[in-house]
Amino acid sequence: MLKILLVFLMSFKVYSAVILDIEITHEKGLGKKMILKSELMSRERAQNGKLITLKMKNGISLDLEVKYDDKEEVLPEGSVIEMSGILKNDHSKTIKPKSFELNVKLNSTGSVELKDEKGQKTTITLTPKEK
């Protein structure tokens, strides 16, 4: 019985996993000297091709898809993680969703800054790490 259990457990192949540190900063200008700033920080397990959705209390939402080579047990140093996302404001009908693409090396940080017509600025910072 023990041999059967051991063979069964050895038959599972372990694939690499990516942990993604996500930081979203949204700035809204109320005047020349006053800025309202909101932040969201999250650590997510990114599965290849699966969608990650984050929502802030102010209505900003991020849909992020991560792609990487998950056929190896350990990702080699310098592997590039491809990310594509859509940033939306659920509280506003006039602000259009903005899409972006970002390629970041493993254990490096990449960021994208998106601005809208009303002077609002959203910065998304992504750091992929291997688990």
Protein backbone atom coordinates (compact mmCIF):
# COMPACT_ATOMS: atom_id res chain seq x y z
CA MET A 1 0.00 0.00 0.00
CA LEU A 2 2.82 2.39 0.88
CA LYS A 3 4.54 1.72 -2.47
CA ILE A 4 1.34 2.52 -4.37
CA LEU A 5 0.91 5.78 -2.47
CA LEU A 6 4.55 6.73 -3.09
CA VAL A 7 4.28 6.03 -6.84
CA PHE A 8 1.04 8.03 -6.96
CA LEU A 9 2.62 11.05 -5.26
CA MET A 10 5.75 10.91 -7.44
CA SER A 11 3.64 10.96 -10.60
CA PHE A 12 2.53 14.56 -10.02
CA LYS A 13 4.79 17.03 -11.76
CA VAL A 14 5.32 20.33 -10.01
CA TYR A 15 5.17 23.43 -12.21
CA SER A 16 6.52 26.87 -11.50
CA ALA A 17 4.38 29.48 -9.82
CA VAL A 18 4.61 33.27 -9.91
CA ILE A 19 3.71 35.59 -7.06
CA LEU A 20 2.83 39.11 -8.18
CA ASP A 21 3.19 42.18 -5.95
CA ILE A 22 0.70 44.77 -7.19
CA GLU A 23 0.52 48.42 -6.15
CA ILE A 24 -2.15 50.77 -7.51
CA THR A 25 -1.97 54.50 -6.76
CA HIS A 26 -4.78 56.80 -7.91
CA GLU A 27 -4.46 60.58 -7.72
CA LYS A 28 -7.35 62.99 -8.20
CA GLY A 29 -6.74 66.74 -8.20
CA LEU A 30 -9.23 68.82 -6.24
CA GLY A 31 -7.38 72.06 -6.80
CA LYS A 32 -3.93 73.37 -7.56
CA LYS A 33 -2.59 72.52 -4.12
CA MET A 34 -4.82 69.65 -3.04
CA ILE A 35 -4.55 66.07 -4.31
CA LEU A 36 -6.64 63.14 -3.13
CA LYS A 37 -4.52 59.99 -3.23
CA SER A 38 -5.74 56.38 -2.87
CA GLU A 39 -3.53 53.29 -2.70
CA LEU A 40 -4.07 49.55 -2.91
CA MET A 41 -1.35 46.96 -2.37
CA SER A 42 -1.86 43.27 -2.93
CA ARG A 43 0.13 40.06 -3.32
CA GLU A 44 -1.51 37.59 -5.70
CA ARG A 45 -0.64 34.14 -6.97
CA ALA A 46 -0.59 34.55 -10.74
CA GLN A 47 -1.62 31.48 -12.70
CA ASN A 48 -0.69 31.43 -16.35
CA GLY A 49 -3.53 32.88 -18.44
CA LYS A 50 -5.92 33.41 -15.48
CA LEU A 51 -7.49 36.77 -14.74
CA ILE A 52 -6.71 38.70 -11.54
CA THR A 53 -9.29 41.34 -10.55
CA LEU A 54 -8.66 44.04 -7.94
CA LYS A 55 -11.12 46.77 -6.90
CA MET A 56 -10.55 49.93 -4.91
CA LYS A 57 -13.21 51.64 -2.76
CA ASN A 58 -13.16 54.70 -5.03
CA GLY A 59 -14.40 52.65 -8.02
CA ILE A 60 -11.08 51.96 -9.75
CA SER A 61 -10.79 48.33 -10.84
CA LEU A 62 -7.96 46.43 -12.50
CA ASP A 63 -8.30 43.27 -14.58
CA LEU A 64 -4.85 41.73 -15.11
CA GLU A 65 -3.80 38.68 -17.11
CA VAL A 66 -0.32 37.19 -16.67
CA LYS A 67 1.46 34.93 -19.16
CA TYR A 68 4.70 33.01 -18.63
CA ASP A 69 6.29 29.68 -19.51
CA ASP A 70 4.88 27.34 -16.86
CA LYS A 71 6.21 24.10 -18.34
CA GLU A 72 9.39 24.19 -16.27
CA GLU A 73 9.62 23.38 -12.57
CA VAL A 74 11.73 26.48 -11.87
CA LEU A 75 11.65 29.64 -13.96
CA PRO A 76 15.16 30.64 -15.06
CA GLU A 77 16.58 33.93 -13.84
CA GLY A 78 15.75 36.70 -16.30
CA SER A 79 12.49 35.10 -17.49
CA VAL A 80 10.10 37.67 -18.92
CA ILE A 81 6.58 37.80 -17.51
CA GLU A 82 4.03 39.24 -19.96
CA MET A 83 1.15 41.18 -18.41
CA SER A 84 -1.85 42.83 -20.00
CA GLY A 85 -4.53 44.71 -18.14
CA ILE A 86 -7.59 46.91 -18.30
CA LEU A 87 -8.10 49.78 -15.85
CA LYS A 88 -11.71 50.90 -15.33
CA ASN A 89 -13.58 53.38 -13.17
CA ASP A 90 -16.83 51.69 -12.10
CA HIS A 91 -18.23 54.93 -10.63
CA SER A 92 -17.93 56.96 -13.85
CA LYS A 93 -19.76 56.38 -17.11
CA THR A 94 -17.74 59.04 -18.99
CA ILE A 95 -14.22 57.72 -18.30
CA LYS A 96 -13.34 55.02 -20.82
CA PRO A 97 -11.44 51.88 -19.77
CA LYS A 98 -7.73 52.00 -20.56
CA SER A 99 -5.73 48.95 -21.59
CA PHE A 100 -1.99 48.41 -21.22
CA GLU A 101 0.70 45.78 -21.75
CA LEU A 102 3.84 45.39 -19.69
CA ASN A 103 6.74 42.92 -19.92
CA VAL A 104 8.79 42.60 -16.74
CA LYS A 105 11.71 40.33 -15.91
CA LEU A 106 11.34 38.01 -12.92
CA ASN A 107 12.33 39.75 -9.63
CA SER A 108 12.27 43.18 -11.33
CA THR A 109 9.73 45.99 -11.05
CA GLY A 110 7.76 47.53 -13.89
CA SER A 111 5.20 50.29 -13.83
CA VAL A 112 2.72 52.02 -16.09
CA GLU A 113 1.09 55.42 -15.62
CA LEU A 114 -2.36 56.11 -17.06
CA LYS A 115 -4.03 59.55 -17.20
CA ASP A 116 -7.56 60.48 -18.19
CA GLU A 117 -9.26 63.59 -19.56
CA LYS A 118 -10.28 64.84 -16.11
CA GLY A 119 -6.72 65.05 -14.81
CA GLN A 120 -6.81 61.85 -12.79
CA LYS A 121 -3.64 59.75 -12.78
CA THR A 122 -3.32 56.05 -11.93
CA THR A 123 0.05 54.35 -11.49
CA ILE A 124 0.28 50.56 -11.51
CA THR A 125 3.51 48.97 -10.23
CA LEU A 126 4.04 45.22 -10.74
CA THR A 127 6.80 42.99 -9.36
CA PRO A 128 6.74 39.29 -10.37
CA LYS A 129 8.57 36.83 -8.09
CA GLU A 130 8.88 33.08 -8.19
CA LYS A 131 7.28 31.18 -5.38
